[in-house]
Amino acid sequence: VVVVVVVVVVVVVVVVVVVVVVVVVVVVVVVVVVVVVVVVVVVVVVVVVVVVVV
């Protein structure tokens, strides 16, 4: 009984850790994508402004 409880607790902890890691990875990927999009938009705006001014 004690062994079963320990195994269940270990499995639950491992699942929780995996879920947390996946969530962190997804958040990091989303942040990177947002940063890349913002940088691209800023570059496009700067290029358009320079072309219009020149």
PDB file of N, CA and C in Angstrom:
ATOM      1  N   VAL A   1       0.849  -1.213   0.000  1.00  0.00           N
ATOM      2  CA  VAL A   1       0.000   0.000   0.000  1.00  0.00           C
ATOM      3  C   VAL A   1       0.883   1.262   0.000  1.00  0.00           C
ATOM      4  N   VAL A   2       1.874   1.266   0.871  1.00  0.00           N
ATOM      5  CA  VAL A   2       2.799   2.416   0.967  1.00  0.00           C
ATOM      6  C   VAL A   2       3.556   2.588  -0.362  1.00  0.00           C
ATOM      7  N   VAL A   3       3.979   1.473  -0.930  1.00  0.00           N
ATOM      8  CA  VAL A   3       4.731   1.497  -2.203  1.00  0.00           C
ATOM      9  C   VAL A   3       3.840   2.073  -3.315  1.00  0.00           C
ATOM     10  N   VAL A   4       2.589   1.657  -3.344  1.00  0.00           N
ATOM     11  CA  VAL A   4       1.634   2.133  -4.362  1.00  0.00           C
ATOM     12  C   VAL A   4       1.441   3.650  -4.217  1.00  0.00           C
ATOM     13  N   VAL A   5       1.291   4.112  -2.987  1.00  0.00           N
ATOM     14  CA  VAL A   5       1.106   5.552  -2.712  1.00  0.00           C
ATOM     15  C   VAL A   5       2.346   6.335  -3.173  1.00  0.00           C
ATOM     16  N   VAL A   6       3.520   5.814  -2.856  1.00  0.00           N
ATOM     17  CA  VAL A   6       4.785   6.473  -3.245  1.00  0.00           C
ATOM     18  C   VAL A   6       4.886   6.534  -4.778  1.00  0.00           C
ATOM     19  N   VAL A   7       4.560   5.450  -5.442  1.00  0.00           N
ATOM     20  CA  VAL A   7       4.626   5.385  -6.917  1.00  0.00           C
ATOM     21  C   VAL A   7       3.643   6.401  -7.519  1.00  0.00           C
ATOM     22  N   VAL A   8       2.444   6.456  -6.983  1.00  0.00           N
ATOM     23  CA  VAL A   8       1.412   7.386  -7.477  1.00  0.00           C
ATOM     24  C   VAL A   8       1.886   8.837  -7.285  1.00  0.00           C
ATOM     25  N   VAL A   9       2.435   9.124  -6.123  1.00  0.00           N
ATOM     26  CA  VAL A   9       2.934  10.482  -5.817  1.00  0.00           C
ATOM     27  C   VAL A   9       4.067  10.851  -6.781  1.00  0.00           C
ATOM     28  N   VAL A  10       4.979   9.923  -7.010  1.00  0.00           N
ATOM     29  CA  VAL A  10       6.114  10.164  -7.928  1.00  0.00           C
ATOM     30  C   VAL A  10       5.593  10.415  -9.348  1.00  0.00           C
ATOM     31  N   VAL A  11       4.643   9.620  -9.788  1.00  0.00           N
ATOM     32  CA  VAL A  11       4.066   9.761 -11.140  1.00  0.00           C
ATOM     33  C   VAL A  11       3.379  11.132 -11.262  1.00  0.00           C
ATOM     34  N   VAL A  12       2.622  11.512 -10.250  1.00  0.00           N
ATOM     35  CA  VAL A  12       1.908  12.803 -10.254  1.00  0.00           C
ATOM     36  C   VAL A  12       2.925  13.957 -10.306  1.00  0.00           C
ATOM     37  N   VAL A  13       3.969  13.857  -9.510  1.00  0.00           N
ATOM     38  CA  VAL A  13       5.018  14.901  -9.472  1.00  0.00           C
ATOM     39  C   VAL A  13       5.700  15.003 -10.846  1.00  0.00           C
ATOM     40  N   VAL A  14       6.017  13.870 -11.441  1.00  0.00           N
ATOM     41  CA  VAL A  14       6.674  13.847 -12.766  1.00  0.00           C
ATOM     42  C   VAL A  14       5.750  14.480 -13.817  1.00  0.00           C
ATOM     43  N   VAL A  15       4.473  14.132 -13.780  1.00  0.00           N
ATOM     44  CA  VAL A  15       3.491  14.674 -14.738  1.00  0.00           C
ATOM     45  C   VAL A  15       3.387  16.199 -14.562  1.00  0.00           C
ATOM     46  N   VAL A  16       3.320  16.644 -13.322  1.00  0.00           N
ATOM     47  CA  VAL A  16       3.215  18.091 -13.023  1.00  0.00           C
ATOM     48  C   VAL A  16       4.466  18.820 -13.533  1.00  0.00           C
ATOM     49  N   VAL A  17       5.633  18.243 -13.291  1.00  0.00           N
ATOM     50  CA  VAL A  17       6.902  18.849 -13.740  1.00  0.00           C
ATOM     51  C   VAL A  17       6.925  18.931 -15.277  1.00  0.00           C
ATOM     52  N   VAL A  18       6.512  17.867 -15.934  1.00  0.00           N
ATOM     53  CA  VAL A  18       6.488  17.830 -17.414  1.00  0.00           C
ATOM     54  C   VAL A  18       5.524  18.904 -17.943  1.00  0.00           C
ATOM     55  N   VAL A  19       4.356  19.007 -17.329  1.00  0.00           N
ATOM     56  CA  VAL A  19       3.351  19.999 -17.751  1.00  0.00           C
ATOM     57  C   VAL A  19       3.912  21.419 -17.564  1.00  0.00           C
ATOM     58  N   VAL A  20       4.547  21.662 -16.437  1.00  0.00           N
ATOM     59  CA  VAL A  20       5.133  22.985 -16.147  1.00  0.00           C
ATOM     60  C   VAL A  20       6.226  23.312 -17.176  1.00  0.00           C
ATOM     61  N   VAL A  21       7.067  22.344 -17.479  1.00  0.00           N
ATOM     62  CA  VAL A  21       8.148  22.537 -18.465  1.00  0.00           C
ATOM     63  C   VAL A  21       7.549  22.851 -19.843  1.00  0.00           C
ATOM     64  N   VAL A  22       6.519  22.113 -20.228  1.00  0.00           N
ATOM     65  CA  VAL A  22       5.858  22.325 -21.532  1.00  0.00           C
ATOM     66  C   VAL A  22       5.247  23.733 -21.580  1.00  0.00           C
ATOM     67  N   VAL A  23       4.586  24.134 -20.507  1.00  0.00           N
ATOM     68  CA  VAL A  23       3.960  25.467 -20.434  1.00  0.00           C
ATOM     69  C   VAL A  23       5.038  26.556 -20.540  1.00  0.00           C
ATOM     70  N   VAL A  24       6.129  26.373 -19.833  1.00  0.00           N
ATOM     71  CA  VAL A  24       7.241  27.352 -19.864  1.00  0.00           C
ATOM     72  C   VAL A  24       7.812  27.444 -21.288  1.00  0.00           C
ATOM     73  N   VAL A  25       8.001  26.307 -21.926  1.00  0.00           N
ATOM     74  CA  VAL A  25       8.542  26.271 -23.301  1.00  0.00           C
ATOM     75  C   VAL A  25       7.580  26.988 -24.258  1.00  0.00           C
ATOM     76  N   VAL A  26       6.289  26.724 -24.113  1.00  0.00           N
ATOM     77  CA  VAL A  26       5.265  27.357 -24.969  1.00  0.00           C
ATOM     78  C   VAL A  26       5.283  28.882 -24.754  1.00  0.00           C
ATOM     79  N   VAL A  27       5.357  29.304 -23.504  1.00  0.00           N
ATOM     80  CA  VAL A  27       5.385  30.742 -23.170  1.00  0.00           C
ATOM     81  C   VAL A  27       6.634  31.395 -23.784  1.00  0.00           C
ATOM     82  N   VAL A  28       7.769  30.727 -23.663  1.00  0.00           N
ATOM     83  CA  VAL A  28       9.033  31.251 -24.223  1.00  0.00           C
ATOM     84  C   VAL A  28       8.915  31.364 -25.751  1.00  0.00           C
ATOM     85  N   VAL A  29       8.360  30.357 -26.390  1.00  0.00           N
ATOM     86  CA  VAL A  29       8.193  30.356 -27.857  1.00  0.00           C
ATOM     87  C   VAL A  29       7.264  31.511 -28.269  1.00  0.00           C
ATOM     88  N   VAL A  30       6.171  31.689 -27.540  1.00  0.00           N
ATOM     89  CA  VAL A  30       5.207  32.763 -27.836  1.00  0.00           C
ATOM     90  C   VAL A  30       5.895  34.134 -27.681  1.00  0.00           C
ATOM     91  N   VAL A  31       6.655  34.292 -26.614  1.00  0.00           N
ATOM     92  CA  VAL A  31       7.372  35.564 -26.360  1.00  0.00           C
ATOM     93  C   VAL A  31       8.375  35.829 -27.497  1.00  0.00           C
ATOM     94  N   VAL A  32       9.102  34.803 -27.903  1.00  0.00           N
ATOM     95  CA  VAL A  32      10.091  34.938 -28.989  1.00  0.00           C
ATOM     96  C   VAL A  32       9.379  35.328 -30.294  1.00  0.00           C
ATOM     97  N   VAL A  33       8.261  34.685 -30.585  1.00  0.00           N
ATOM     98  CA  VAL A  33       7.490  34.974 -31.807  1.00  0.00           C
ATOM     99  C   VAL A  33       6.990  36.429 -31.764  1.00  0.00           C
ATOM    100  N   VAL A  34       6.473  36.848 -30.625  1.00  0.00           N
ATOM    101  CA  VAL A  34       5.966  38.225 -30.464  1.00  0.00           C
ATOM    102  C   VAL A  34       7.113  39.230 -30.670  1.00  0.00           C
ATOM    103  N   VAL A  35       8.259  38.952 -30.078  1.00  0.00           N
ATOM    104  CA  VAL A  35       9.430  39.842 -30.209  1.00  0.00           C
ATOM    105  C   VAL A  35       9.860  39.921 -31.680  1.00  0.00           C
ATOM    106  N   VAL A  36       9.897  38.789 -32.349  1.00  0.00           N
ATOM    107  CA  VAL A  36      10.298  38.747 -33.772  1.00  0.00           C
ATOM    108  C   VAL A  36       9.299  39.555 -34.614  1.00  0.00           C
ATOM    109  N   VAL A  37       8.017  39.379 -34.353  1.00  0.00           N
ATOM    110  CA  VAL A  37       6.963  40.101 -35.094  1.00  0.00           C
ATOM    111  C   VAL A  37       7.114  41.615 -34.860  1.00  0.00           C
ATOM    112  N   VAL A  38       7.331  42.003 -33.616  1.00  0.00           N
ATOM    113  CA  VAL A  38       7.495  43.429 -33.266  1.00  0.00           C
ATOM    114  C   VAL A  38       8.725  44.003 -33.987  1.00  0.00           C
ATOM    115  N   VAL A  39       9.814  43.264 -33.976  1.00  0.00           N
ATOM    116  CA  VAL A  39      11.056  43.715 -34.643  1.00  0.00           C
ATOM    117  C   VAL A  39      10.812  43.866 -36.152  1.00  0.00           C
ATOM    118  N   VAL A  40      10.138  42.907 -36.747  1.00  0.00           N
ATOM    119  CA  VAL A  40       9.849  42.948 -38.195  1.00  0.00           C
ATOM    120  C   VAL A  40       8.964  44.161 -38.505  1.00  0.00           C
ATOM    121  N   VAL A  41       7.947  44.386 -37.699  1.00  0.00           N
ATOM    122  CA  VAL A  41       7.028  45.519 -37.897  1.00  0.00           C
ATOM    123  C   VAL A  41       7.806  46.843 -37.781  1.00  0.00           C
ATOM    124  N   VAL A  42       8.651  46.944 -36.775  1.00  0.00           N
ATOM    125  CA  VAL A  42       9.456  48.170 -36.560  1.00  0.00           C
ATOM    126  C   VAL A  42      10.379  48.400 -37.767  1.00  0.00           C
ATOM    127  N   VAL A  43      11.020  47.349 -38.238  1.00  0.00           N
ATOM    128  CA  VAL A  43      11.932  47.454 -39.392  1.00  0.00           C
ATOM    129  C   VAL A  43      11.147  47.894 -40.632  1.00  0.00           C
ATOM    130  N   VAL A  44       9.992  47.307 -40.853  1.00  0.00           N
ATOM    131  CA  VAL A  44       9.149  47.651 -42.019  1.00  0.00           C
ATOM    132  C   VAL A  44       8.721  49.125 -41.923  1.00  0.00           C
ATOM    133  N   VAL A  45       8.291  49.543 -40.748  1.00  0.00           N
ATOM    134  CA  VAL A  45       7.849  50.935 -40.537  1.00  0.00           C
ATOM    135  C   VAL A  45       9.020  51.896 -40.800  1.00  0.00           C
ATOM    136  N   VAL A  46      10.181  51.570 -40.274  1.00  0.00           N
ATOM    137  CA  VAL A  46      11.384  52.417 -40.460  1.00  0.00           C
ATOM    138  C   VAL A  46      11.729  52.502 -41.951  1.00  0.00           C
ATOM    139  N   VAL A  47      11.698  51.382 -42.638  1.00  0.00           N
ATOM    140  CA  VAL A  47      12.020  51.339 -44.078  1.00  0.00           C
ATOM    141  C   VAL A  47      11.001  52.181 -44.855  1.00  0.00           C
ATOM    142  N   VAL A  48       9.731  52.048 -44.534  1.00  0.00           N
ATOM    143  CA  VAL A  48       8.663  52.797 -45.218  1.00  0.00           C
ATOM    144  C   VAL A  48       8.860  54.302 -44.970  1.00  0.00           C
ATOM    145  N   VAL A  49       9.130  54.671 -43.735  1.00  0.00           N
ATOM    146  CA  VAL A  49       9.337  56.088 -43.370  1.00  0.00           C
ATOM    147  C   VAL A  49      10.550  56.642 -44.131  1.00  0.00           C
ATOM    148  N   VAL A  50      11.631  55.884 -44.160  1.00  0.00           N
ATOM    149  CA  VAL A  50      12.860  56.315 -44.855  1.00  0.00           C
ATOM    150  C   VAL A  50      12.569  56.477 -46.354  1.00  0.00           C
ATOM    151  N   VAL A  51      11.860  55.539 -46.942  1.00  0.00           N
ATOM    152  CA  VAL A  51      11.543  55.572 -48.380  1.00  0.00           C
ATOM    153  C   VAL A  51      10.636  56.779 -48.667  1.00  0.00           C
ATOM    154  N   VAL A  52       9.652  57.014 -47.835  1.00  0.00           N
ATOM    155  CA  VAL A  52       8.706  58.127 -48.016  1.00  0.00           C
ATOM    156  C   VAL A  52       9.452  59.464 -47.860  1.00  0.00           C
ATOM    157  N   VAL A  53      10.296  59.560 -46.859  1.00  0.00           N
ATOM    158  CA  VAL A  53      11.048  60.807 -46.584  1.00  0.00           C
ATOM    159  C   VAL A  53      12.062  61.062 -47.718  1.00  0.00           C
ATOM    160  N   VAL A  54      12.736  60.033 -48.161  1.00  0.00           N
ATOM    161  CA  VAL A  54      13.775  60.149 -49.207  1.00  0.00           C
ATOM    162  C   VAL A  54      13.055  60.182 -50.564  1.00  0.00           C
TER     163      VAL A  54
END
